[in-house]
Amino acid sequence: MTIQEVQNAIVEEFADCMEWEDKYAHIIALGKTLAPLPEQYRTDDNKVRGCQSQVWLHAELQDGKVVFFADADAAIVKGLVALALRVYSHREPQEILNTEPEFMKKIGLDMHLSSTRTNGFAAMIKQIKAYALGFALLQQRTAEASQE
């Protein structure tokens, strides 16, 4: 599934939720599906700055794709983390850099979340893209070195 297809699927999922309470309940349920974050990644270096809640985000490059591991200490935030990882994890760095989280606006989360959660989500996306940029540069340098 392409990154855009994943975003479209998220929008469709939330279309079934008529009330905002249902959308929040769905976000919390998604957070419960997030794989446990290995303890070794719960470090200050992996904390997302700008989040009111504690959010840890770790990334690795595996077979040319960025794989994210994350967790949060608040239920709704953990659900937002799960949504972000669903969209961005297991993607090539350039694809991550080229993709904005359109699903947030399409399902209205950008208007219904508190400003602190909205800012925290933006900080998380910024960190995801920073990892992607780092890995893209690493891939570029590796490719250039192999041509020499």
C-alpha atoms as a PDB file:
ATOM      1  CA  MET A   1       0.000   0.000   0.000  1.00  0.00           C
ATOM      2  CA  THR A   2       1.349   3.423  -0.896  1.00  0.00           C
ATOM      3  CA  ILE A   3       1.757   6.129   1.697  1.00  0.00           C
ATOM      4  CA  GLN A   4      -1.192   8.013   0.151  1.00  0.00           C
ATOM      5  CA  GLU A   5      -3.357   4.883   0.240  1.00  0.00           C
ATOM      6  CA  VAL A   6      -2.575   4.499   3.942  1.00  0.00           C
ATOM      7  CA  GLN A   7      -3.637   8.093   4.587  1.00  0.00           C
ATOM      8  CA  ASN A   8      -6.838   7.538   2.580  1.00  0.00           C
ATOM      9  CA  ALA A   9      -7.580   4.378   4.582  1.00  0.00           C
ATOM     10  CA  ILE A  10      -7.191   6.331   7.835  1.00  0.00           C
ATOM     11  CA  VAL A  11      -9.613   8.985   6.574  1.00  0.00           C
ATOM     12  CA  GLU A  12     -12.127   6.261   5.640  1.00  0.00           C
ATOM     13  CA  GLU A  13     -11.758   4.658   9.067  1.00  0.00           C
ATOM     14  CA  PHE A  14     -12.601   7.895  10.800  1.00  0.00           C
ATOM     15  CA  ALA A  15     -15.533   8.590   8.454  1.00  0.00           C
ATOM     16  CA  ASP A  16     -17.386   5.842  10.353  1.00  0.00           C
ATOM     17  CA  CYS A  17     -17.040   7.861  13.576  1.00  0.00           C
ATOM     18  CA  MET A  18     -19.886  10.355  13.622  1.00  0.00           C
ATOM     19  CA  GLU A  19     -19.170  12.034  16.962  1.00  0.00           C
ATOM     20  CA  TRP A  20     -15.865  13.425  18.214  1.00  0.00           C
ATOM     21  CA  GLU A  21     -16.082  11.199  21.259  1.00  0.00           C
ATOM     22  CA  ASP A  22     -16.067   8.226  18.860  1.00  0.00           C
ATOM     23  CA  LYS A  23     -13.010   9.603  17.057  1.00  0.00           C
ATOM     24  CA  TYR A  24     -11.147  10.050  20.344  1.00  0.00           C
ATOM     25  CA  ALA A  25     -12.131   6.523  21.393  1.00  0.00           C
ATOM     26  CA  HIS A  26     -10.795   5.215  18.080  1.00  0.00           C
ATOM     27  CA  ILE A  27      -7.524   7.111  18.527  1.00  0.00           C
ATOM     28  CA  ILE A  28      -7.129   5.641  22.025  1.00  0.00           C
ATOM     29  CA  ALA A  29      -7.859   2.149  20.671  1.00  0.00           C
ATOM     30  CA  LEU A  30      -5.184   2.623  17.993  1.00  0.00           C
ATOM     31  CA  GLY A  31      -2.708   3.585  20.696  1.00  0.00           C
ATOM     32  CA  LYS A  32      -3.329   0.251  22.403  1.00  0.00           C
ATOM     33  CA  THR A  33      -2.232  -1.545  19.217  1.00  0.00           C
ATOM     34  CA  LEU A  34       1.172   0.156  19.206  1.00  0.00           C
ATOM     35  CA  ALA A  35       3.966  -2.367  19.653  1.00  0.00           C
ATOM     36  CA  PRO A  36       5.768  -2.022  22.990  1.00  0.00           C
ATOM     37  CA  LEU A  37       8.833   0.199  22.810  1.00  0.00           C
ATOM     38  CA  PRO A  38      11.984  -1.651  23.872  1.00  0.00           C
ATOM     39  CA  GLU A  39      13.320  -0.157  27.102  1.00  0.00           C
ATOM     40  CA  GLN A  40      16.671   0.644  25.468  1.00  0.00           C
ATOM     41  CA  TYR A  41      14.915   3.301  23.331  1.00  0.00           C
ATOM     42  CA  ARG A  42      13.343   5.133  26.296  1.00  0.00           C
ATOM     43  CA  THR A  43      16.169   7.637  26.501  1.00  0.00           C
ATOM     44  CA  ASP A  44      16.357  11.420  26.631  1.00  0.00           C
ATOM     45  CA  ASP A  45      17.924  11.383  23.165  1.00  0.00           C
ATOM     46  CA  ASN A  46      14.783   9.714  21.790  1.00  0.00           C
ATOM     47  CA  LYS A  47      12.312  12.078  23.461  1.00  0.00           C
ATOM     48  CA  VAL A  48      10.398  14.290  21.068  1.00  0.00           C
ATOM     49  CA  ARG A  49      10.915  17.899  22.075  1.00  0.00           C
ATOM     50  CA  GLY A  50       7.813  20.054  21.936  1.00  0.00           C
ATOM     51  CA  CYS A  51       5.388  17.444  23.240  1.00  0.00           C
ATOM     52  CA  GLN A  52       3.660  18.101  26.535  1.00  0.00           C
ATOM     53  CA  SER A  53       3.385  14.343  27.065  1.00  0.00           C
ATOM     54  CA  GLN A  54       6.435  12.159  27.013  1.00  0.00           C
ATOM     55  CA  VAL A  55       6.944  10.730  23.528  1.00  0.00           C
ATOM     56  CA  TRP A  56       9.891   8.574  22.561  1.00  0.00           C
ATOM     57  CA  LEU A  57      10.775   8.072  18.894  1.00  0.00           C
ATOM     58  CA  HIS A  58      13.582   5.886  17.589  1.00  0.00           C
ATOM     59  CA  ALA A  59      14.360   5.180  13.934  1.00  0.00           C
ATOM     60  CA  GLU A  60      16.481   2.660  12.080  1.00  0.00           C
ATOM     61  CA  LEU A  61      17.261   2.186   8.417  1.00  0.00           C
ATOM     62  CA  GLN A  62      16.400  -1.352   7.386  1.00  0.00           C
ATOM     63  CA  ASP A  63      16.780  -2.451   3.760  1.00  0.00           C
ATOM     64  CA  GLY A  64      16.586   1.136   2.552  1.00  0.00           C
ATOM     65  CA  LYS A  65      13.445   1.949   4.536  1.00  0.00           C
ATOM     66  CA  VAL A  66      13.018   3.893   7.752  1.00  0.00           C
ATOM     67  CA  VAL A  67      11.463   1.864  10.556  1.00  0.00           C
ATOM     68  CA  PHE A  68      10.158   3.773  13.557  1.00  0.00           C
ATOM     69  CA  PHE A  69       9.690   2.597  17.124  1.00  0.00           C
ATOM     70  CA  ALA A  70       7.748   4.853  19.471  1.00  0.00           C
ATOM     71  CA  ASP A  71       5.634   5.198  22.574  1.00  0.00           C
ATOM     72  CA  ALA A  72       3.890   7.879  24.619  1.00  0.00           C
ATOM     73  CA  ASP A  73       2.689   8.175  28.188  1.00  0.00           C
ATOM     74  CA  ALA A  74      -0.781   9.559  27.376  1.00  0.00           C
ATOM     75  CA  ALA A  75      -3.567   7.553  25.716  1.00  0.00           C
ATOM     76  CA  ILE A  76      -4.611  10.033  23.004  1.00  0.00           C
ATOM     77  CA  VAL A  77      -1.011  10.947  22.220  1.00  0.00           C
ATOM     78  CA  LYS A  78      -0.120   7.262  21.962  1.00  0.00           C
ATOM     79  CA  GLY A  79      -2.924   6.909  19.405  1.00  0.00           C
ATOM     80  CA  LEU A  80      -1.554   9.842  17.423  1.00  0.00           C
ATOM     81  CA  VAL A  81       1.868   8.182  17.526  1.00  0.00           C
ATOM     82  CA  ALA A  82       0.300   4.972  16.191  1.00  0.00           C
ATOM     83  CA  LEU A  83      -1.285   6.911  13.316  1.00  0.00           C
ATOM     84  CA  ALA A  84       2.005   8.637  12.438  1.00  0.00           C
ATOM     85  CA  LEU A  85       3.896   5.349  12.450  1.00  0.00           C
ATOM     86  CA  ARG A  86       1.227   3.720  10.335  1.00  0.00           C
ATOM     87  CA  VAL A  87       1.777   6.398   7.686  1.00  0.00           C
ATOM     88  CA  TYR A  88       5.558   6.875   7.874  1.00  0.00           C
ATOM     89  CA  SER A  89       7.187   3.672   9.128  1.00  0.00           C
ATOM     90  CA  HIS A  90       8.639   1.215   6.600  1.00  0.00           C
ATOM     91  CA  ARG A  91       8.983   3.933   3.961  1.00  0.00           C
ATOM     92  CA  GLU A  92      11.935   5.190   1.959  1.00  0.00           C
ATOM     93  CA  PRO A  93      13.432   8.393   3.364  1.00  0.00           C
ATOM     94  CA  GLN A  94      12.519  10.523   0.343  1.00  0.00           C
ATOM     95  CA  GLU A  95       8.912   9.330   0.456  1.00  0.00           C
ATOM     96  CA  ILE A  96       8.706  10.445   4.094  1.00  0.00           C
ATOM     97  CA  LEU A  97      10.223  13.827   3.260  1.00  0.00           C
ATOM     98  CA  ASN A  98       7.739  14.335   0.414  1.00  0.00           C
ATOM     99  CA  THR A  99       4.614  13.468   2.432  1.00  0.00           C
ATOM    100  CA  GLU A 100       2.648  15.717   4.737  1.00  0.00           C
ATOM    101  CA  PRO A 101       0.169  14.213   7.215  1.00  0.00           C
ATOM    102  CA  GLU A 102      -2.905  15.213   5.180  1.00  0.00           C
ATOM    103  CA  PHE A 103      -5.108  12.783   7.104  1.00  0.00           C
ATOM    104  CA  MET A 104      -5.023  15.097  10.137  1.00  0.00           C
ATOM    105  CA  LYS A 105      -6.818  17.875   8.263  1.00  0.00           C
ATOM    106  CA  LYS A 106      -9.127  15.543   6.324  1.00  0.00           C
ATOM    107  CA  ILE A 107     -10.523  13.974   9.492  1.00  0.00           C
ATOM    108  CA  GLY A 108     -10.574  17.299  11.320  1.00  0.00           C
ATOM    109  CA  LEU A 109      -8.066  16.420  14.010  1.00  0.00           C
ATOM    110  CA  ASP A 110      -6.126  19.604  13.371  1.00  0.00           C
ATOM    111  CA  MET A 111      -9.203  21.579  14.500  1.00  0.00           C
ATOM    112  CA  HIS A 112     -10.365  19.385  17.385  1.00  0.00           C
ATOM    113  CA  LEU A 113      -7.179  18.563  19.242  1.00  0.00           C
ATOM    114  CA  SER A 114      -5.903  20.878  21.917  1.00  0.00           C
ATOM    115  CA  SER A 115      -3.175  23.262  20.808  1.00  0.00           C
ATOM    116  CA  THR A 116      -0.628  21.400  22.943  1.00  0.00           C
ATOM    117  CA  ARG A 117      -1.482  18.087  21.239  1.00  0.00           C
ATOM    118  CA  THR A 118      -1.455  19.714  17.803  1.00  0.00           C
ATOM    119  CA  ASN A 119       1.967  21.245  18.535  1.00  0.00           C
ATOM    120  CA  GLY A 120       3.200  17.926  19.899  1.00  0.00           C
ATOM    121  CA  PHE A 121       2.043  16.096  16.774  1.00  0.00           C
ATOM    122  CA  ALA A 122       3.817  18.683  14.611  1.00  0.00           C
ATOM    123  CA  ALA A 123       6.985  18.166  16.666  1.00  0.00           C
ATOM    124  CA  MET A 124       6.702  14.419  16.153  1.00  0.00           C
ATOM    125  CA  ILE A 125       6.330  14.838  12.372  1.00  0.00           C
ATOM    126  CA  LYS A 126       9.306  17.205  12.391  1.00  0.00           C
ATOM    127  CA  GLN A 127      11.386  14.553  14.191  1.00  0.00           C
ATOM    128  CA  ILE A 128      10.205  11.831  11.780  1.00  0.00           C
ATOM    129  CA  LYS A 129      11.293  13.990   8.856  1.00  0.00           C
ATOM    130  CA  ALA A 130      14.616  14.806  10.532  1.00  0.00           C
ATOM    131  CA  TYR A 131      15.352  11.087  10.807  1.00  0.00           C
ATOM    132  CA  ALA A 132      14.333  10.620   7.162  1.00  0.00           C
ATOM    133  CA  LEU A 133      16.612  13.453   6.057  1.00  0.00           C
ATOM    134  CA  GLY A 134      19.523  11.978   7.989  1.00  0.00           C
ATOM    135  CA  PHE A 135      19.005   8.577   6.414  1.00  0.00           C
ATOM    136  CA  ALA A 136      18.568  10.104   2.934  1.00  0.00           C
ATOM    137  CA  LEU A 137      21.912  11.880   3.301  1.00  0.00           C
ATOM    138  CA  LEU A 138      23.521   8.671   4.547  1.00  0.00           C
ATOM    139  CA  GLN A 139      22.176   6.779   1.533  1.00  0.00           C
ATOM    140  CA  GLN A 140      23.442   9.498  -0.804  1.00  0.00           C
ATOM    141  CA  ARG A 141      26.936   9.447   0.713  1.00  0.00           C
ATOM    142  CA  THR A 142      27.035   5.651   0.594  1.00  0.00           C
ATOM    143  CA  ALA A 143      26.006   5.688  -3.085  1.00  0.00           C
ATOM    144  CA  GLU A 144      28.633   8.325  -3.919  1.00  0.00           C
ATOM    145  CA  ALA A 145      31.346   6.390  -2.076  1.00  0.00           C
ATOM    146  CA  SER A 146      30.517   3.188  -3.959  1.00  0.00           C
ATOM    147  CA  GLN A 147      30.883   5.013  -7.294  1.00  0.00           C
ATOM    148  CA  GLU A 148      34.410   6.148  -6.492  1.00  0.00           C
END
